N, C-alpha and C. Protein backbone atom coordinates (compact mmCIF):
# COMPACT_ATOMS: atom_id res chain seq x y z
N MET A 1 -3.82 -44.79 -3.71
CA MET A 1 -2.36 -44.58 -3.95
C MET A 1 -1.98 -43.16 -3.35
N ILE A 2 -0.85 -43.12 -2.71
CA ILE A 2 -0.29 -41.84 -2.19
C ILE A 2 0.91 -41.46 -3.05
N THR A 3 0.87 -40.23 -3.59
CA THR A 3 1.98 -39.79 -4.48
C THR A 3 2.73 -38.67 -3.62
N PHE A 4 4.00 -38.94 -3.45
CA PHE A 4 4.86 -37.89 -2.84
C PHE A 4 5.54 -37.12 -3.87
N ARG A 5 5.80 -35.83 -3.57
CA ARG A 5 6.55 -35.00 -4.49
C ARG A 5 7.79 -34.47 -3.74
N MET A 6 8.91 -34.45 -4.46
CA MET A 6 10.09 -33.83 -3.87
C MET A 6 10.18 -32.34 -4.23
N LYS A 7 10.58 -31.54 -3.34
CA LYS A 7 10.72 -30.10 -3.62
C LYS A 7 12.20 -29.69 -3.53
N LYS A 8 12.64 -29.00 -4.53
CA LYS A 8 13.97 -28.38 -4.50
C LYS A 8 13.71 -26.88 -4.44
N GLU A 9 14.47 -26.21 -3.68
CA GLU A 9 14.31 -24.71 -3.50
C GLU A 9 15.67 -24.05 -3.66
N MET A 10 15.73 -22.99 -4.42
CA MET A 10 16.84 -22.18 -4.62
C MET A 10 16.56 -20.79 -4.12
N LYS A 11 17.47 -20.13 -3.40
CA LYS A 11 17.29 -18.82 -2.90
C LYS A 11 18.40 -17.92 -3.36
N ALA A 12 18.02 -16.66 -3.57
CA ALA A 12 19.06 -15.64 -3.92
C ALA A 12 18.62 -14.30 -3.41
N ARG A 13 19.49 -13.29 -3.48
CA ARG A 13 19.15 -11.94 -3.17
C ARG A 13 19.39 -11.14 -4.44
N TYR A 14 18.38 -10.30 -4.68
CA TYR A 14 18.52 -9.43 -5.88
C TYR A 14 17.98 -8.04 -5.43
N ARG A 15 18.82 -7.04 -5.52
CA ARG A 15 18.46 -5.68 -5.08
C ARG A 15 17.98 -5.59 -3.59
N GLY A 16 18.44 -6.48 -2.84
CA GLY A 16 18.12 -6.49 -1.41
C GLY A 16 16.82 -7.28 -1.08
N VAL A 17 16.29 -7.97 -2.08
CA VAL A 17 15.04 -8.69 -1.98
C VAL A 17 15.33 -10.17 -2.11
N THR A 18 14.73 -10.94 -1.24
CA THR A 18 14.89 -12.47 -1.39
C THR A 18 13.93 -12.90 -2.41
N ILE A 19 14.53 -13.79 -3.29
CA ILE A 19 13.74 -14.46 -4.30
C ILE A 19 14.03 -15.98 -4.20
N THR A 20 12.94 -16.73 -4.38
CA THR A 20 13.12 -18.19 -4.41
C THR A 20 12.52 -18.87 -5.58
N ILE A 21 13.12 -19.90 -5.94
CA ILE A 21 12.62 -20.74 -7.07
C ILE A 21 12.38 -22.12 -6.46
N GLU A 22 11.16 -22.64 -6.71
CA GLU A 22 10.88 -23.97 -6.22
C GLU A 22 10.57 -24.88 -7.43
N ASN A 23 11.08 -26.11 -7.31
CA ASN A 23 10.83 -27.05 -8.39
C ASN A 23 10.21 -28.34 -7.65
N TRP A 24 8.99 -28.68 -8.06
CA TRP A 24 8.33 -29.83 -7.45
C TRP A 24 8.42 -30.96 -8.50
N SER A 25 8.97 -32.04 -8.09
CA SER A 25 9.15 -33.14 -9.04
C SER A 25 8.40 -34.39 -8.48
N GLY A 26 7.62 -35.03 -9.32
CA GLY A 26 7.01 -36.26 -8.95
C GLY A 26 7.85 -37.40 -9.40
N PHE A 27 7.50 -38.56 -8.91
CA PHE A 27 8.29 -39.78 -9.24
C PHE A 27 7.93 -40.30 -10.61
N THR A 28 6.90 -39.65 -11.28
CA THR A 28 6.60 -40.05 -12.62
C THR A 28 7.29 -39.16 -13.69
N GLY A 29 8.16 -38.30 -13.22
CA GLY A 29 8.97 -37.51 -14.14
C GLY A 29 8.44 -36.16 -14.43
N ASP A 30 7.22 -35.85 -13.88
CA ASP A 30 6.71 -34.46 -14.14
C ASP A 30 7.47 -33.48 -13.23
N SER A 31 7.49 -32.21 -13.69
CA SER A 31 8.26 -31.18 -12.92
C SER A 31 7.39 -29.91 -12.99
N LYS A 32 7.19 -29.24 -11.86
CA LYS A 32 6.43 -28.02 -11.78
C LYS A 32 7.28 -26.98 -11.10
N TRP A 33 7.18 -25.71 -11.58
CA TRP A 33 8.05 -24.60 -11.18
C TRP A 33 7.15 -23.50 -10.55
N ASN A 34 7.75 -22.88 -9.51
CA ASN A 34 7.12 -21.68 -8.91
C ASN A 34 8.23 -20.72 -8.61
N GLY A 35 7.90 -19.41 -8.62
CA GLY A 35 8.86 -18.35 -8.23
C GLY A 35 8.23 -17.49 -7.18
N TYR A 36 9.00 -17.07 -6.24
CA TYR A 36 8.44 -16.13 -5.17
C TYR A 36 9.38 -15.00 -4.89
N ILE A 37 8.78 -13.87 -4.49
CA ILE A 37 9.50 -12.69 -4.06
C ILE A 37 9.00 -12.41 -2.65
N TYR A 38 9.99 -12.10 -1.74
CA TYR A 38 9.65 -11.72 -0.34
C TYR A 38 10.14 -10.28 -0.19
N ILE A 39 9.25 -9.45 0.12
CA ILE A 39 9.62 -7.93 0.21
C ILE A 39 8.84 -7.32 1.38
N PRO A 40 9.53 -6.44 2.18
CA PRO A 40 8.86 -5.78 3.31
C PRO A 40 7.65 -4.97 2.81
N LYS A 41 6.47 -5.23 3.38
CA LYS A 41 5.31 -4.53 2.95
C LYS A 41 5.38 -3.03 3.17
N ASP A 42 6.05 -2.55 4.25
CA ASP A 42 6.10 -1.09 4.48
C ASP A 42 6.99 -0.40 3.50
N LYS A 43 7.75 -1.12 2.69
CA LYS A 43 8.61 -0.53 1.66
C LYS A 43 7.93 -0.37 0.34
N VAL A 44 6.70 -0.90 0.20
CA VAL A 44 6.04 -0.93 -1.15
C VAL A 44 4.72 -0.20 -1.04
N SER A 45 4.56 0.73 -1.92
CA SER A 45 3.33 1.53 -1.92
C SER A 45 2.32 1.10 -3.04
N ILE A 46 2.49 -0.06 -3.58
CA ILE A 46 1.60 -0.57 -4.59
C ILE A 46 0.41 -1.29 -3.98
N SER A 47 -0.77 -0.95 -4.54
CA SER A 47 -1.97 -1.61 -3.94
C SER A 47 -1.96 -3.10 -4.23
N ILE A 48 -2.72 -3.85 -3.45
CA ILE A 48 -2.76 -5.35 -3.69
C ILE A 48 -3.27 -5.66 -5.05
N ASP A 49 -4.28 -4.87 -5.55
CA ASP A 49 -4.81 -5.17 -6.91
C ASP A 49 -3.66 -5.05 -7.95
N ARG A 50 -2.76 -4.11 -7.82
CA ARG A 50 -1.72 -3.93 -8.77
C ARG A 50 -0.68 -5.11 -8.60
N TRP A 51 -0.47 -5.55 -7.41
CA TRP A 51 0.41 -6.70 -7.21
C TRP A 51 -0.16 -7.88 -8.03
N GLN A 52 -1.43 -8.07 -7.94
CA GLN A 52 -2.06 -9.23 -8.51
C GLN A 52 -2.29 -9.16 -10.00
N ASP A 53 -2.48 -7.91 -10.48
CA ASP A 53 -2.85 -7.78 -11.88
C ASP A 53 -1.73 -7.27 -12.85
N GLU A 54 -0.76 -6.64 -12.27
CA GLU A 54 0.20 -5.93 -13.15
C GLU A 54 1.61 -6.32 -13.13
N ILE A 55 2.02 -7.16 -12.19
CA ILE A 55 3.43 -7.60 -12.15
C ILE A 55 3.75 -8.29 -13.50
N PRO A 56 4.71 -7.91 -14.19
CA PRO A 56 5.10 -8.46 -15.51
C PRO A 56 5.82 -9.73 -15.45
N TRP A 57 5.16 -10.83 -15.04
CA TRP A 57 5.84 -12.09 -15.08
C TRP A 57 4.87 -13.15 -15.57
N HIS A 58 5.41 -14.27 -15.94
CA HIS A 58 4.75 -15.35 -16.57
C HIS A 58 3.44 -15.68 -15.89
N GLY A 59 2.36 -15.67 -16.64
CA GLY A 59 1.06 -16.13 -16.18
C GLY A 59 0.38 -15.26 -15.12
N GLY A 60 0.94 -14.14 -14.73
CA GLY A 60 0.38 -13.31 -13.70
C GLY A 60 0.64 -13.84 -12.29
N THR A 61 0.27 -13.04 -11.36
CA THR A 61 0.41 -13.43 -9.94
C THR A 61 -0.59 -14.55 -9.56
N THR A 62 -0.03 -15.58 -9.04
CA THR A 62 -0.87 -16.77 -8.65
C THR A 62 -0.83 -17.01 -7.16
N TYR A 63 0.03 -16.25 -6.42
CA TYR A 63 0.15 -16.40 -4.96
C TYR A 63 0.42 -15.04 -4.34
N TYR A 64 -0.29 -14.79 -3.22
CA TYR A 64 -0.04 -13.54 -2.48
C TYR A 64 -0.36 -13.84 -0.99
N GLN A 65 0.57 -13.56 -0.14
CA GLN A 65 0.35 -13.75 1.29
C GLN A 65 1.13 -12.72 2.05
N GLU A 66 0.49 -12.10 3.01
CA GLU A 66 1.08 -11.15 3.98
C GLU A 66 1.43 -11.95 5.21
N HIS A 67 2.72 -12.02 5.53
CA HIS A 67 3.15 -12.76 6.69
C HIS A 67 3.16 -11.88 7.95
N THR A 68 3.04 -12.46 9.09
CA THR A 68 2.94 -11.68 10.36
C THR A 68 4.25 -10.88 10.57
N SER A 69 5.37 -11.28 9.95
CA SER A 69 6.58 -10.60 10.10
C SER A 69 6.62 -9.27 9.27
N GLY A 70 5.57 -8.96 8.51
CA GLY A 70 5.51 -7.75 7.79
C GLY A 70 6.11 -7.85 6.39
N VAL A 71 6.38 -9.09 6.00
CA VAL A 71 6.81 -9.43 4.66
C VAL A 71 5.73 -9.88 3.80
N VAL A 72 5.69 -9.40 2.56
CA VAL A 72 4.67 -9.90 1.57
C VAL A 72 5.48 -10.97 0.72
N GLN A 73 4.76 -12.06 0.58
CA GLN A 73 5.27 -13.10 -0.39
C GLN A 73 4.37 -13.14 -1.58
N VAL A 74 4.90 -12.87 -2.75
CA VAL A 74 4.10 -12.90 -4.01
C VAL A 74 4.75 -13.82 -4.92
N GLY A 75 3.95 -14.59 -5.67
CA GLY A 75 4.57 -15.58 -6.55
C GLY A 75 3.80 -15.91 -7.85
N ASN A 76 4.42 -16.69 -8.67
CA ASN A 76 3.73 -17.13 -9.88
C ASN A 76 4.13 -18.59 -10.12
N ASP A 77 3.48 -19.21 -11.18
CA ASP A 77 3.76 -20.64 -11.43
C ASP A 77 3.86 -20.81 -12.89
N TYR A 78 4.31 -22.00 -13.26
CA TYR A 78 4.53 -22.36 -14.65
C TYR A 78 3.74 -23.65 -14.94
N MET A 79 2.46 -23.64 -14.45
CA MET A 79 1.63 -24.84 -14.60
C MET A 79 0.31 -24.52 -15.36
N HIS A 80 0.38 -23.57 -16.29
CA HIS A 80 -0.84 -23.20 -17.02
C HIS A 80 -0.94 -24.18 -18.21
N ASP A 81 -2.13 -24.16 -18.81
CA ASP A 81 -2.38 -25.10 -19.96
C ASP A 81 -1.30 -24.89 -21.09
N MET A 82 -0.77 -23.67 -21.29
CA MET A 82 0.12 -23.41 -22.40
C MET A 82 1.55 -23.71 -22.00
N ASP A 83 1.79 -24.01 -20.76
CA ASP A 83 3.17 -24.32 -20.27
C ASP A 83 3.63 -25.69 -20.65
N SER A 84 4.89 -25.68 -20.96
CA SER A 84 5.54 -27.00 -21.27
C SER A 84 6.73 -27.19 -20.25
N PRO A 85 6.71 -28.23 -19.48
CA PRO A 85 7.86 -28.44 -18.56
C PRO A 85 9.27 -28.39 -19.21
N GLU A 86 9.26 -28.86 -20.50
CA GLU A 86 10.53 -28.88 -21.22
C GLU A 86 11.02 -27.46 -21.52
N ASP A 87 10.16 -26.51 -21.50
CA ASP A 87 10.57 -25.08 -21.82
C ASP A 87 10.86 -24.28 -20.64
N THR A 88 10.79 -24.79 -19.38
CA THR A 88 11.01 -24.14 -18.22
C THR A 88 12.17 -24.71 -17.44
N ASP A 89 13.10 -23.69 -16.87
CA ASP A 89 14.10 -24.18 -16.03
C ASP A 89 14.38 -23.02 -15.05
N HIS A 90 15.37 -23.23 -14.15
CA HIS A 90 15.56 -22.15 -13.19
C HIS A 90 15.94 -20.81 -13.77
N ARG A 91 16.57 -20.81 -14.93
CA ARG A 91 16.97 -19.54 -15.60
C ARG A 91 15.73 -18.80 -16.02
N ARG A 92 14.76 -19.42 -16.55
CA ARG A 92 13.51 -18.75 -16.98
C ARG A 92 12.76 -18.15 -15.82
N VAL A 93 12.64 -18.94 -14.70
CA VAL A 93 12.01 -18.46 -13.53
C VAL A 93 12.78 -17.32 -12.95
N ALA A 94 14.05 -17.40 -12.87
CA ALA A 94 14.88 -16.33 -12.29
C ALA A 94 14.71 -15.08 -13.07
N CYS A 95 14.74 -15.10 -14.42
CA CYS A 95 14.60 -13.95 -15.18
C CYS A 95 13.25 -13.23 -14.92
N ASP A 96 12.16 -14.03 -14.82
CA ASP A 96 10.86 -13.45 -14.43
C ASP A 96 10.89 -12.81 -13.02
N LEU A 97 11.58 -13.43 -12.14
CA LEU A 97 11.63 -12.85 -10.77
C LEU A 97 12.42 -11.53 -10.76
N ILE A 98 13.46 -11.48 -11.54
CA ILE A 98 14.34 -10.21 -11.63
C ILE A 98 13.46 -9.18 -12.26
N ARG A 99 12.79 -9.44 -13.42
CA ARG A 99 11.88 -8.41 -14.05
C ARG A 99 10.77 -7.96 -13.01
N ALA A 100 10.23 -8.89 -12.27
CA ALA A 100 9.18 -8.48 -11.32
C ALA A 100 9.72 -7.62 -10.22
N VAL A 101 10.89 -7.86 -9.68
CA VAL A 101 11.49 -7.07 -8.67
C VAL A 101 11.79 -5.70 -9.25
N ASP A 102 12.32 -5.60 -10.37
CA ASP A 102 12.57 -4.37 -11.04
C ASP A 102 11.28 -3.50 -11.12
N TRP A 103 10.19 -4.18 -11.60
CA TRP A 103 8.92 -3.43 -11.75
C TRP A 103 8.42 -2.98 -10.45
N ILE A 104 8.46 -3.83 -9.37
CA ILE A 104 7.97 -3.46 -8.07
C ILE A 104 8.74 -2.22 -7.60
N MET A 105 10.02 -2.24 -7.73
CA MET A 105 10.81 -1.10 -7.24
C MET A 105 10.56 0.17 -8.07
N ASP A 106 10.47 0.04 -9.33
CA ASP A 106 10.17 1.19 -10.23
C ASP A 106 8.79 1.74 -9.90
N GLU A 107 7.77 0.95 -9.66
CA GLU A 107 6.40 1.41 -9.38
C GLU A 107 6.22 1.96 -7.98
N SER A 108 6.95 1.39 -6.97
CA SER A 108 6.70 1.77 -5.64
C SER A 108 7.64 2.82 -5.07
N GLY A 109 8.74 3.10 -5.77
CA GLY A 109 9.73 4.02 -5.21
C GLY A 109 10.68 3.42 -4.21
N TYR A 110 10.51 2.12 -3.96
CA TYR A 110 11.39 1.38 -3.06
C TYR A 110 12.63 1.00 -3.90
N TYR A 111 13.74 1.60 -3.70
CA TYR A 111 14.80 1.51 -4.65
C TYR A 111 16.15 1.04 -4.01
N ILE A 112 16.65 0.03 -4.57
CA ILE A 112 18.10 -0.43 -4.23
C ILE A 112 18.74 -0.61 -5.63
N ASP A 113 19.92 -0.05 -5.77
CA ASP A 113 20.56 -0.10 -7.04
C ASP A 113 20.54 -1.52 -7.67
N ALA A 114 20.30 -1.55 -8.97
CA ALA A 114 20.33 -2.83 -9.72
C ALA A 114 21.75 -3.08 -10.22
N PRO A 115 22.19 -4.28 -10.21
CA PRO A 115 23.43 -4.59 -10.78
C PRO A 115 23.43 -4.45 -12.31
N ASP A 116 24.52 -4.28 -12.93
CA ASP A 116 24.56 -4.28 -14.37
C ASP A 116 24.04 -5.62 -14.88
N LYS A 117 23.15 -5.64 -15.86
CA LYS A 117 22.59 -6.85 -16.35
C LYS A 117 22.31 -6.72 -17.83
N PRO A 118 22.39 -7.82 -18.51
CA PRO A 118 22.07 -7.81 -19.93
C PRO A 118 20.58 -7.64 -20.16
N GLU A 119 20.18 -6.95 -21.17
CA GLU A 119 18.77 -6.73 -21.47
C GLU A 119 18.02 -8.01 -21.68
N ASP A 120 18.62 -9.04 -22.27
CA ASP A 120 17.92 -10.23 -22.60
C ASP A 120 17.96 -11.25 -21.42
N CYS A 121 18.45 -10.72 -20.26
CA CYS A 121 18.53 -11.64 -19.08
C CYS A 121 19.36 -12.85 -19.25
N SER A 122 20.41 -12.76 -20.05
CA SER A 122 21.31 -13.86 -20.25
C SER A 122 22.44 -13.86 -19.21
N TRP A 123 21.93 -13.94 -17.99
CA TRP A 123 22.84 -13.99 -16.83
C TRP A 123 23.53 -15.32 -16.80
N ASP A 124 24.70 -15.39 -16.06
CA ASP A 124 25.34 -16.65 -15.79
C ASP A 124 24.81 -16.97 -14.43
N PHE A 125 23.78 -17.75 -14.28
CA PHE A 125 23.22 -18.13 -12.97
C PHE A 125 24.05 -19.25 -12.45
N VAL A 126 24.39 -19.22 -11.21
CA VAL A 126 25.12 -20.30 -10.55
C VAL A 126 24.24 -20.84 -9.46
N VAL A 127 24.07 -22.17 -9.44
CA VAL A 127 23.38 -22.82 -8.43
C VAL A 127 24.43 -23.55 -7.61
N ASP A 128 24.65 -23.15 -6.32
CA ASP A 128 25.71 -23.71 -5.45
C ASP A 128 24.94 -24.59 -4.45
N ASP A 129 25.01 -25.84 -4.57
CA ASP A 129 24.24 -26.69 -3.61
C ASP A 129 25.06 -26.98 -2.34
N LYS A 130 26.21 -26.40 -2.25
CA LYS A 130 27.05 -26.47 -0.97
C LYS A 130 26.64 -25.38 0.03
N LEU A 131 25.96 -24.33 -0.39
CA LEU A 131 25.62 -23.29 0.56
C LEU A 131 24.39 -23.75 1.39
N GLN A 132 24.54 -23.72 2.60
CA GLN A 132 23.53 -24.21 3.51
C GLN A 132 22.96 -23.14 4.40
N LYS A 133 23.61 -21.99 4.56
CA LYS A 133 23.22 -21.01 5.44
C LYS A 133 22.06 -20.20 4.85
N ASP A 134 21.02 -20.05 5.64
CA ASP A 134 19.86 -19.26 5.19
C ASP A 134 19.78 -17.89 5.82
N GLU A 135 20.73 -17.54 6.77
CA GLU A 135 20.64 -16.35 7.51
C GLU A 135 20.65 -15.08 6.58
N ASP A 136 21.33 -15.17 5.51
CA ASP A 136 21.42 -14.00 4.61
C ASP A 136 20.15 -13.74 3.84
N TYR A 137 19.22 -14.66 3.83
CA TYR A 137 18.04 -14.62 3.06
C TYR A 137 16.78 -14.35 3.84
N ASP A 138 16.76 -14.39 5.18
CA ASP A 138 15.57 -14.23 5.95
C ASP A 138 15.23 -12.75 6.09
């Protein structure tokens, strides 16, 4: 049997950094979430060990790749034994990504002003499926 999974991806910019949320859905109703940050390597002075061990997001860093473009892609997932798909949605993943970007900027000295935000991350996230242009996020 061959099982296909559909992937939905959401992109945003936060403090000048591209963040993406991916949702992988199977035809059996299961749902898996990933979050990624794309940040220029030359702007970050944090060692790879710290990227992998200390970023304060759910489950720790589970993905790290240095692209030839000079961008580092770092990510996490919500597929651990303790995770429940019913407890995860794009808001939870987005809050983790926002906290991670804040931590990276605070620790590395790469700083772009943060917008005003509530402490509990109760943002009003908007998913606009009519936006098709990716130029602003590359």
